[in-house]
Amino acid sequence: MYPTRGTKVPSAPDWLHEIKYDGYRLRVERSGDRVRLITRNGYDWTNRYPWIVEAALKNRQKQFIIDGEAVILGVDGIPADHRDHCPPVVKAAPTGYAET
């Protein structure tokens, strides 16, 4: 089955809706005072989002991993174009995580 374009959002109680934010998939890893932001391709983007690092350091838990999506919202609450808010990507080798 392929998706089809509709003209209105279904309103029946058995329908669920999710907003497409179109951000970056990131894994926030905290171990003590060290926080890293790792992309789904294994790149370290810690320096690109210092406010996420700051928020992770304010968390009471000292060790955790959060898998999520980094999104920058405009003042209107609509996701902003990420190119306006992030420095250019610096290509580096992915971090070496072994798959289990």
PDB file of N, CA and C in Angstrom:
ATOM      1  N   MET A   1       0.849  -1.172   0.000  1.00  0.00           N
ATOM      2  CA  MET A   1       0.000   0.000   0.000  1.00  0.00           C
ATOM      3  C   MET A   1       0.896   1.237   0.000  1.00  0.00           C
ATOM      4  N   TYR A   2       0.550   2.205  -0.808  1.00  0.00           N
ATOM      5  CA  TYR A   2       1.285   3.463  -0.896  1.00  0.00           C
ATOM      6  C   TYR A   2       0.463   4.589  -0.297  1.00  0.00           C
ATOM      7  N   PRO A   3       1.139   5.568   0.296  1.00  0.00           N
ATOM      8  CA  PRO A   3       0.400   6.709   0.856  1.00  0.00           C
ATOM      9  C   PRO A   3      -0.243   7.522  -0.267  1.00  0.00           C
ATOM     10  N   THR A   4      -1.364   8.106   0.056  1.00  0.00           N
ATOM     11  CA  THR A   4      -2.046   8.986  -0.906  1.00  0.00           C
ATOM     12  C   THR A   4      -2.249  10.346  -0.247  1.00  0.00           C
ATOM     13  N   ARG A   5      -2.263  11.369  -1.055  1.00  0.00           N
ATOM     14  CA  ARG A   5      -2.454  12.722  -0.539  1.00  0.00           C
ATOM     15  C   ARG A   5      -3.939  12.949  -0.259  1.00  0.00           C
ATOM     16  N   GLY A   6      -4.239  13.448   0.921  1.00  0.00           N
ATOM     17  CA  GLY A   6      -5.616  13.739   1.294  1.00  0.00           C
ATOM     18  C   GLY A   6      -5.892  15.224   1.203  1.00  0.00           C
ATOM     19  N   THR A   7      -7.142  15.569   1.355  1.00  0.00           N
ATOM     20  CA  THR A   7      -7.528  16.981   1.310  1.00  0.00           C
ATOM     21  C   THR A   7      -7.773  17.543   2.701  1.00  0.00           C
ATOM     22  N   LYS A   8      -7.945  16.649   3.696  1.00  0.00           N
ATOM     23  CA  LYS A   8      -8.121  17.101   5.077  1.00  0.00           C
ATOM     24  C   LYS A   8      -7.598  16.025   6.015  1.00  0.00           C
ATOM     25  N   VAL A   9      -7.338  16.412   7.247  1.00  0.00           N
ATOM     26  CA  VAL A   9      -6.827  15.488   8.254  1.00  0.00           C
ATOM     27  C   VAL A   9      -7.981  14.650   8.780  1.00  0.00           C
ATOM     28  N   PRO A  10      -7.825  13.307   8.814  1.00  0.00           N
ATOM     29  CA  PRO A  10      -8.892  12.466   9.365  1.00  0.00           C
ATOM     30  C   PRO A  10      -9.164  12.817  10.824  1.00  0.00           C
ATOM     31  N   SER A  11     -10.412  12.730  11.237  1.00  0.00           N
ATOM     32  CA  SER A  11     -10.757  13.094  12.612  1.00  0.00           C
ATOM     33  C   SER A  11     -11.332  11.935  13.420  1.00  0.00           C
ATOM     34  N   ALA A  12     -11.369  10.750  12.853  1.00  0.00           N
ATOM     35  CA  ALA A  12     -11.889   9.593  13.587  1.00  0.00           C
ATOM     36  C   ALA A  12     -10.990   9.287  14.791  1.00  0.00           C
ATOM     37  N   PRO A  13     -11.549   8.727  15.878  1.00  0.00           N
ATOM     38  CA  PRO A  13     -10.768   8.498  17.091  1.00  0.00           C
ATOM     39  C   PRO A  13      -9.661   7.455  16.920  1.00  0.00           C
ATOM     40  N   ASP A  14      -9.701   6.648  15.885  1.00  0.00           N
ATOM     41  CA  ASP A  14      -8.676   5.625  15.698  1.00  0.00           C
ATOM     42  C   ASP A  14      -7.487   6.107  14.862  1.00  0.00           C
ATOM     43  N   TRP A  15      -7.438   7.403  14.544  1.00  0.00           N
ATOM     44  CA  TRP A  15      -6.329   7.980  13.794  1.00  0.00           C
ATOM     45  C   TRP A  15      -5.369   8.677  14.754  1.00  0.00           C
ATOM     46  N   LEU A  16      -4.068   8.474  14.538  1.00  0.00           N
ATOM     47  CA  LEU A  16      -3.029   9.161  15.292  1.00  0.00           C
ATOM     48  C   LEU A  16      -2.266  10.061  14.335  1.00  0.00           C
ATOM     49  N   HIS A  17      -1.809  11.196  14.821  1.00  0.00           N
ATOM     50  CA  HIS A  17      -1.075  12.136  13.987  1.00  0.00           C
ATOM     51  C   HIS A  17       0.230  12.503  14.665  1.00  0.00           C
ATOM     52  N   GLU A  18       1.245  12.647  13.872  1.00  0.00           N
ATOM     53  CA  GLU A  18       2.551  13.050  14.383  1.00  0.00           C
ATOM     54  C   GLU A  18       3.076  14.182  13.507  1.00  0.00           C
ATOM     55  N   ILE A  19       3.576  15.225  14.139  1.00  0.00           N
ATOM     56  CA  ILE A  19       4.120  16.359  13.409  1.00  0.00           C
ATOM     57  C   ILE A  19       5.482  15.986  12.850  1.00  0.00           C
ATOM     58  N   LYS A  20       5.722  16.314  11.596  1.00  0.00           N
ATOM     59  CA  LYS A  20       7.028  16.088  10.966  1.00  0.00           C
ATOM     60  C   LYS A  20       7.889  17.314  11.236  1.00  0.00           C
ATOM     61  N   TYR A  21       8.852  17.173  12.149  1.00  0.00           N
ATOM     62  CA  TYR A  21       9.687  18.302  12.525  1.00  0.00           C
ATOM     63  C   TYR A  21      10.871  18.510  11.592  1.00  0.00           C
ATOM     64  N   ASP A  22      11.365  17.447  10.995  1.00  0.00           N
ATOM     65  CA  ASP A  22      12.456  17.542  10.029  1.00  0.00           C
ATOM     66  C   ASP A  22      13.730  18.096  10.646  1.00  0.00           C
ATOM     67  N   GLY A  23      14.125  17.501  11.766  1.00  0.00           N
ATOM     68  CA  GLY A  23      15.367  17.907  12.426  1.00  0.00           C
ATOM     69  C   GLY A  23      16.465  16.898  12.146  1.00  0.00           C
ATOM     70  N   TYR A  24      17.396  16.800  13.068  1.00  0.00           N
ATOM     71  CA  TYR A  24      18.501  15.856  12.948  1.00  0.00           C
ATOM     72  C   TYR A  24      18.378  14.788  14.020  1.00  0.00           C
ATOM     73  N   ARG A  25      18.511  13.534  13.635  1.00  0.00           N
ATOM     74  CA  ARG A  25      18.511  12.438  14.597  1.00  0.00           C
ATOM     75  C   ARG A  25      19.822  12.487  15.359  1.00  0.00           C
ATOM     76  N   LEU A  26      19.722  12.568  16.677  1.00  0.00           N
ATOM     77  CA  LEU A  26      20.907  12.623  17.534  1.00  0.00           C
ATOM     78  C   LEU A  26      20.756  11.702  18.727  1.00  0.00           C
ATOM     79  N   ARG A  27      21.881  11.195  19.165  1.00  0.00           N
ATOM     80  CA  ARG A  27      21.939  10.431  20.407  1.00  0.00           C
ATOM     81  C   ARG A  27      22.729  11.287  21.395  1.00  0.00           C
ATOM     82  N   VAL A  28      22.102  11.627  22.523  1.00  0.00           N
ATOM     83  CA  VAL A  28      22.768  12.401  23.575  1.00  0.00           C
ATOM     84  C   VAL A  28      23.330  11.387  24.571  1.00  0.00           C
ATOM     85  N   GLU A  29      24.639  11.411  24.742  1.00  0.00           N
ATOM     86  CA  GLU A  29      25.289  10.473  25.650  1.00  0.00           C
ATOM     87  C   GLU A  29      25.947  11.265  26.776  1.00  0.00           C
ATOM     88  N   ARG A  30      25.545  10.965  27.998  1.00  0.00           N
ATOM     89  CA  ARG A  30      26.183  11.622  29.146  1.00  0.00           C
ATOM     90  C   ARG A  30      26.818  10.575  30.038  1.00  0.00           C
ATOM     91  N   SER A  31      28.058  10.843  30.415  1.00  0.00           N
ATOM     92  CA  SER A  31      28.782  10.013  31.360  1.00  0.00           C
ATOM     93  C   SER A  31      29.543  10.963  32.279  1.00  0.00           C
ATOM     94  N   GLY A  32      29.002  11.184  33.478  1.00  0.00           N
ATOM     95  CA  GLY A  32      29.595  12.144  34.407  1.00  0.00           C
ATOM     96  C   GLY A  32      29.479  13.558  33.859  1.00  0.00           C
ATOM     97  N   ASP A  33      30.608  14.231  33.711  1.00  0.00           N
ATOM     98  CA  ASP A  33      30.611  15.602  33.185  1.00  0.00           C
ATOM     99  C   ASP A  33      30.842  15.648  31.677  1.00  0.00           C
ATOM    100  N   ARG A  34      30.887  14.506  31.037  1.00  0.00           N
ATOM    101  CA  ARG A  34      31.117  14.450  29.594  1.00  0.00           C
ATOM    102  C   ARG A  34      29.796  14.199  28.862  1.00  0.00           C
ATOM    103  N   VAL A  35      29.519  15.039  27.873  1.00  0.00           N
ATOM    104  CA  VAL A  35      28.323  14.880  27.035  1.00  0.00           C
ATOM    105  C   VAL A  35      28.770  14.864  25.584  1.00  0.00           C
ATOM    106  N   ARG A  36      28.221  13.936  24.825  1.00  0.00           N
ATOM    107  CA  ARG A  36      28.488  13.889  23.383  1.00  0.00           C
ATOM    108  C   ARG A  36      27.159  13.792  22.643  1.00  0.00           C
ATOM    109  N   LEU A  37      27.109  14.426  21.489  1.00  0.00           N
ATOM    110  CA  LEU A  37      25.951  14.347  20.602  1.00  0.00           C
ATOM    111  C   LEU A  37      26.411  13.611  19.349  1.00  0.00           C
ATOM    112  N   ILE A  38      25.826  12.460  19.097  1.00  0.00           N
ATOM    113  CA  ILE A  38      26.262  11.598  17.999  1.00  0.00           C
ATOM    114  C   ILE A  38      25.117  11.444  16.995  1.00  0.00           C
ATOM    115  N   THR A  39      25.409  11.650  15.711  1.00  0.00           N
ATOM    116  CA  THR A  39      24.399  11.511  14.662  1.00  0.00           C
ATOM    117  C   THR A  39      24.138  10.040  14.381  1.00  0.00           C
ATOM    118  N   ARG A  40      23.094   9.774  13.607  1.00  0.00           N
ATOM    119  CA  ARG A  40      22.773   8.380  13.274  1.00  0.00           C
ATOM    120  C   ARG A  40      23.862   7.736  12.425  1.00  0.00           C
ATOM    121  N   ASN A  41      24.686   8.552  11.766  1.00  0.00           N
ATOM    122  CA  ASN A  41      25.804   8.028  10.988  1.00  0.00           C
ATOM    123  C   ASN A  41      27.109   7.991  11.778  1.00  0.00           C
ATOM    124  N   GLY A  42      27.048   8.322  13.065  1.00  0.00           N
ATOM    125  CA  GLY A  42      28.208   8.198  13.935  1.00  0.00           C
ATOM    126  C   GLY A  42      29.100   9.410  14.026  1.00  0.00           C
ATOM    127  N   TYR A  43      28.666  10.547  13.491  1.00  0.00           N
ATOM    128  CA  TYR A  43      29.474  11.763  13.578  1.00  0.00           C
ATOM    129  C   TYR A  43      29.244  12.469  14.911  1.00  0.00           C
ATOM    130  N   ASP A  44      30.303  13.045  15.454  1.00  0.00           N
ATOM    131  CA  ASP A  44      30.212  13.773  16.716  1.00  0.00           C
ATOM    132  C   ASP A  44      29.842  15.223  16.428  1.00  0.00           C
ATOM    133  N   TRP A  45      28.638  15.625  16.835  1.00  0.00           N
ATOM    134  CA  TRP A  45      28.136  16.986  16.610  1.00  0.00           C
ATOM    135  C   TRP A  45      28.019  17.758  17.916  1.00  0.00           C
ATOM    136  N   THR A  46      28.791  17.383  18.911  1.00  0.00           N
ATOM    137  CA  THR A  46      28.722  18.031  20.208  1.00  0.00           C
ATOM    138  C   THR A  46      28.899  19.546  20.107  1.00  0.00           C
ATOM    139  N   ASN A  47      29.810  20.001  19.283  1.00  0.00           N
ATOM    140  CA  ASN A  47      30.081  21.437  19.170  1.00  0.00           C
ATOM    141  C   ASN A  47      29.007  22.193  18.400  1.00  0.00           C
ATOM    142  N   ARG A  48      28.153  21.489  17.681  1.00  0.00           N
ATOM    143  CA  ARG A  48      27.121  22.170  16.876  1.00  0.00           C
ATOM    144  C   ARG A  48      25.925  22.613  17.707  1.00  0.00           C
ATOM    145  N   TYR A  49      25.651  21.932  18.808  1.00  0.00           N
ATOM    146  CA  TYR A  49      24.477  22.234  19.627  1.00  0.00           C
ATOM    147  C   TYR A  49      24.868  22.402  21.094  1.00  0.00           C
ATOM    148  N   PRO A  50      25.571  23.480  21.452  1.00  0.00           N
ATOM    149  CA  PRO A  50      26.011  23.647  22.845  1.00  0.00           C
ATOM    150  C   PRO A  50      24.851  23.753  23.834  1.00  0.00           C
ATOM    151  N   TRP A  51      23.692  24.243  23.390  1.00  0.00           N
ATOM    152  CA  TRP A  51      22.562  24.370  24.314  1.00  0.00           C
ATOM    153  C   TRP A  51      21.986  23.005  24.679  1.00  0.00           C
ATOM    154  N   ILE A  52      22.147  22.007  23.814  1.00  0.00           N
ATOM    155  CA  ILE A  52      21.708  20.647  24.171  1.00  0.00           C
ATOM    156  C   ILE A  52      22.675  20.057  25.193  1.00  0.00           C
ATOM    157  N   VAL A  53      23.961  20.296  24.995  1.00  0.00           N
ATOM    158  CA  VAL A  53      24.963  19.836  25.953  1.00  0.00           C
ATOM    159  C   VAL A  53      24.693  20.462  27.324  1.00  0.00           C
ATOM    160  N   GLU A  54      24.424  21.756  27.341  1.00  0.00           N
ATOM    161  CA  GLU A  54      24.140  22.462  28.589  1.00  0.00           C
ATOM    162  C   GLU A  54      22.914  21.878  29.288  1.00  0.00           C
ATOM    163  N   ALA A  55      21.873  21.603  28.527  1.00  0.00           N
ATOM    164  CA  ALA A  55      20.663  21.014  29.112  1.00  0.00           C
ATOM    165  C   ALA A  55      20.943  19.615  29.662  1.00  0.00           C
ATOM    166  N   ALA A  56      21.743  18.829  28.947  1.00  0.00           N
ATOM    167  CA  ALA A  56      22.079  17.480  29.422  1.00  0.00           C
ATOM    168  C   ALA A  56      22.856  17.540  30.726  1.00  0.00           C
ATOM    169  N   LEU A  57      23.727  18.524  30.862  1.00  0.00           N
ATOM    170  CA  LEU A  57      24.511  18.662  32.090  1.00  0.00           C
ATOM    171  C   LEU A  57      23.658  19.114  33.277  1.00  0.00           C
ATOM    172  N   LYS A  58      22.516  19.736  33.018  1.00  0.00           N
ATOM    173  CA  LYS A  58      21.616  20.154  34.092  1.00  0.00           C
ATOM    174  C   LYS A  58      20.741  19.007  34.601  1.00  0.00           C
ATOM    175  N   ASN A  59      20.693  17.913  33.855  1.00  0.00           N
ATOM    176  CA  ASN A  59      19.899  16.757  34.259  1.00  0.00           C
ATOM    177  C   ASN A  59      20.510  16.132  35.516  1.00  0.00           C
ATOM    178  N   ARG A  60      19.657  15.732  36.454  1.00  0.00           N
ATOM    179  CA  ARG A  60      20.152  15.139  37.705  1.00  0.00           C
ATOM    180  C   ARG A  60      20.885  13.822  37.474  1.00  0.00           C
ATOM    181  N   GLN A  61      20.474  13.089  36.447  1.00  0.00           N
ATOM    182  CA  GLN A  61      21.134  11.822  36.144  1.00  0.00           C
ATOM    183  C   GLN A  61      22.522  12.097  35.579  1.00  0.00           C
ATOM    184  N   LYS A  62      23.494  11.370  36.042  1.00  0.00           N
ATOM    185  CA  LYS A  62      24.875  11.584  35.609  1.00  0.00           C
ATOM    186  C   LYS A  62      25.282  10.665  34.460  1.00  0.00           C
ATOM    187  N   GLN A  63      24.460   9.674  34.190  1.00  0.00           N
ATOM    188  CA  GLN A  63      24.785   8.757  33.106  1.00  0.00           C
ATOM    189  C   GLN A  63      23.493   8.370  32.390  1.00  0.00           C
ATOM    190  N   PHE A  64      23.426   8.684  31.089  1.00  0.00           N
ATOM    191  CA  PHE A  64      22.249   8.316  30.305  1.00  0.00           C
ATOM    192  C   PHE A  64      22.532   8.439  28.821  1.00  0.00           C
ATOM    193  N   ILE A  65      21.660   7.840  28.047  1.00  0.00           N
ATOM    194  CA  ILE A  65      21.664   7.974  26.588  1.00  0.00           C
ATOM    195  C   ILE A  65      20.234   8.286  26.175  1.00  0.00           C
ATOM    196  N   ILE A  66      20.070   9.336  25.397  1.00  0.00           N
ATOM    197  CA  ILE A  66      18.756   9.707  24.876  1.00  0.00           C
ATOM    198  C   ILE A  66      18.848   9.715  23.356  1.00  0.00           C
ATOM    199  N   ASP A  67      17.966   8.989  22.721  1.00  0.00           N
ATOM    200  CA  ASP A  67      17.903   8.956  21.262  1.00  0.00           C
ATOM    201  C   ASP A  67      16.723   9.812  20.840  1.00  0.00           C
ATOM    202  N   GLY A  68      16.969  10.845  20.035  1.00  0.00           N
ATOM    203  CA  GLY A  68      15.882  11.732  19.660  1.00  0.00           C
ATOM    204  C   GLY A  68      16.199  12.546  18.421  1.00  0.00           C
ATOM    205  N   GLU A  69      15.464  13.620  18.257  1.00  0.00           N
ATOM    206  CA  GLU A  69      15.616  14.486  17.095  1.00  0.00           C
ATOM    207  C   GLU A  69      15.837  15.925  17.560  1.00  0.00           C
ATOM    208  N   ALA A  70      16.899  16.551  17.062  1.00  0.00           N
ATOM    209  CA  ALA A  70      17.188  17.953  17.385  1.00  0.00           C
ATOM    210  C   ALA A  70      16.471  18.835  16.376  1.00  0.00           C
ATOM    211  N   VAL A  71      15.603  19.704  16.893  1.00  0.00           N
ATOM    212  CA  VAL A  71      14.804  20.581  16.039  1.00  0.00           C
ATOM    213  C   VAL A  71      14.877  21.994  16.598  1.00  0.00           C
ATOM    214  N   ILE A  72      15.035  22.972  15.731  1.00  0.00           N
ATOM    215  CA  ILE A  72      15.017  24.369  16.144  1.00  0.00           C
ATOM    216  C   ILE A  72      13.687  24.958  15.688  1.00  0.00           C
ATOM    217  N   LEU A  73      12.902  25.441  16.650  1.00  0.00           N
ATOM    218  CA  LEU A  73      11.604  26.020  16.331  1.00  0.00           C
ATOM    219  C   LEU A  73      11.736  27.541  16.208  1.00  0.00           C
ATOM    220  N   GLY A  74      11.035  28.097  15.243  1.00  0.00           N
ATOM    221  CA  GLY A  74      10.990  29.547  15.098  1.00  0.00           C
ATOM    222  C   GLY A  74      10.082  30.144  16.158  1.00  0.00           C
ATOM    223  N   VAL A  75      10.000  31.454  16.220  1.00  0.00           N
ATOM    224  CA  VAL A  75       9.157  32.118  17.212  1.00  0.00           C
ATOM    225  C   VAL A  75       7.683  31.764  17.028  1.00  0.00           C
ATOM    226  N   ASP A  76       7.323  31.320  15.823  1.00  0.00           N
ATOM    227  CA  ASP A  76       5.942  30.922  15.553  1.00  0.00           C
ATOM    228  C   ASP A  76       5.675  29.460  15.898  1.00  0.00           C
ATOM    229  N   GLY A  77       6.707  28.757  16.412  1.00  0.00           N
ATOM    230  CA  GLY A  77       6.546  27.360  16.779  1.00  0.00           C
ATOM    231  C   GLY A  77       6.714  26.402  15.612  1.00  0.00           C
ATOM    232  N   ILE A  78       7.003  26.919  14.448  1.00  0.00           N
ATOM    233  CA  ILE A  78       7.204  26.095  13.258  1.00  0.00           C
ATOM    234  C   ILE A  78       8.688  25.816  13.123  1.00  0.00           C
ATOM    235  N   PRO A  79       9.078  24.572  12.790  1.00  0.00           N
ATOM    236  CA  PRO A  79      10.501  24.268  12.650  1.00  0.00           C
ATOM    237  C   PRO A  79      11.186  25.219  11.669  1.00  0.00           C
ATOM    238  N   ALA A  80      12.315  25.767  12.119  1.00  0.00           N
ATOM    239  CA  ALA A  80      13.099  26.685  11.292  1.00  0.00           C
ATOM    240  C   ALA A  80      13.992  25.880  10.358  1.00  0.00           C
ATOM    241  N   ASP A  81      14.407  26.489   9.293  1.00  0.00           N
ATOM    242  CA  ASP A  81      15.338  25.855   8.372  1.00  0.00           C
ATOM    243  C   ASP A  81      16.666  25.701   9.095  1.00  0.00           C
ATOM    244  N   HIS A  82      17.108  24.462   9.284  1.00  0.00           N
ATOM    245  CA  HIS A  82      18.298  24.190  10.076  1.00  0.00           C
ATOM    246  C   HIS A  82      19.554  24.831   9.502  1.00  0.00           C
ATOM    247  N   ARG A  83      19.602  25.125   8.228  1.00  0.00           N
ATOM    248  CA  ARG A  83      20.795  25.723   7.636  1.00  0.00           C
ATOM    249  C   ARG A  83      21.050  27.126   8.171  1.00  0.00           C
ATOM    250  N   ASP A  84      20.010  27.773   8.672  1.00  0.00           N
ATOM    251  CA  ASP A  84      20.166  29.120   9.214  1.00  0.00           C
ATOM    252  C   ASP A  84      20.745  29.142  10.624  1.00  0.00           C
ATOM    253  N   HIS A  85      20.783  27.978  11.288  1.00  0.00           N
ATOM    254  CA  HIS A  85      21.136  27.953  12.705  1.00  0.00           C
ATOM    255  C   HIS A  85      22.342  27.107  13.045  1.00  0.00           C
ATOM    256  N   CYS A  86      22.896  26.395  12.074  1.00  0.00           N
ATOM    257  CA  CYS A  86      23.995  25.487  12.367  1.00  0.00           C
ATOM    258  C   CYS A  86      25.214  25.825  11.524  1.00  0.00           C
ATOM    259  N   PRO A  87      26.384  25.673  12.103  1.00  0.00           N
ATOM    260  CA  PRO A  87      27.588  25.865  11.300  1.00  0.00           C
ATOM    261  C   PRO A  87      27.700  24.753  10.263  1.00  0.00           C
ATOM    262  N   PRO A  88      28.504  24.942   9.230  1.00  0.00           N
ATOM    263  CA  PRO A  88      28.647  23.902   8.209  1.00  0.00           C
ATOM    264  C   PRO A  88      29.135  22.599   8.812  1.00  0.00           C
ATOM    265  N   VAL A  89      28.746  21.513   8.213  1.00  0.00           N
ATOM    266  CA  VAL A  89      29.162  20.190   8.683  1.00  0.00           C
ATOM    267  C   VAL A  89      30.639  19.996   8.377  1.00  0.00           C
ATOM    268  N   VAL A  90      31.375  19.551   9.381  1.00  0.00           N
ATOM    269  CA  VAL A  90      32.779  19.198   9.185  1.00  0.00           C
ATOM    270  C   VAL A  90      32.823  17.687   9.095  1.00  0.00           C
ATOM    271  N   LYS A  91      33.247  17.183   7.968  1.00  0.00           N
ATOM    272  CA  LYS A  91      33.303  15.741   7.786  1.00  0.00           C
ATOM    273  C   LYS A  91      34.424  15.151   8.607  1.00  0.00           C
ATOM    274  N   ALA A  92      34.096  14.149   9.365  1.00  0.00           N
ATOM    275  CA  ALA A  92      35.080  13.437  10.179  1.00  0.00           C
ATOM    276  C   ALA A  92      34.679  11.974  10.195  1.00  0.00           C
ATOM    277  N   ALA A  93      35.605  11.146  10.556  1.00  0.00           N
ATOM    278  CA  ALA A  93      35.301   9.716  10.596  1.00  0.00           C
ATOM    279  C   ALA A  93      34.266   9.453  11.668  1.00  0.00           C
ATOM    280  N   PRO A  94      33.294   8.559  11.406  1.00  0.00           N
ATOM    281  CA  PRO A  94      32.305   8.204  12.424  1.00  0.00           C
ATOM    282  C   PRO A  94      32.974   7.580  13.639  1.00  0.00           C
ATOM    283  N   THR A  95      32.317   7.711  14.776  1.00  0.00           N
ATOM    284  CA  THR A  95      32.832   7.072  15.990  1.00  0.00           C
ATOM    285  C   THR A  95      32.673   5.576  15.821  1.00  0.00           C
ATOM    286  N   GLY A  96      33.526   4.827  16.447  1.00  0.00           N
ATOM    287  CA  GLY A  96      33.518   3.376  16.247  1.00  0.00           C
ATOM    288  C   GLY A  96      32.693   2.639  17.266  1.00  0.00           C
ATOM    289  N   TYR A  97      31.448   2.407  16.959  1.00  0.00           N
ATOM    290  CA  TYR A  97      30.589   1.614  17.827  1.00  0.00           C
ATOM    291  C   TYR A  97      30.376   0.255  17.194  1.00  0.00           C
ATOM    292  N   ALA A  98      30.550  -0.771  17.976  1.00  0.00           N
ATOM    293  CA  ALA A  98      30.342  -2.120  17.463  1.00  0.00           C
ATOM    294  C   ALA A  98      28.863  -2.460  17.545  1.00  0.00           C
ATOM    295  N   GLU A  99      28.355  -3.063  16.506  1.00  0.00           N
ATOM    296  CA  GLU A  99      26.952  -3.494  16.503  1.00  0.00           C
ATOM    297  C   GLU A  99      26.879  -4.843  17.207  1.00  0.00           C
ATOM    298  N   THR A 100      25.857  -5.002  18.021  1.00  0.00           N
ATOM    299  CA  THR A 100      25.688  -6.291  18.704  1.00  0.00           C
ATOM    300  C   THR A 100      24.414  -6.944  18.261  1.00  0.00           C
TER     301      THR A 100
END
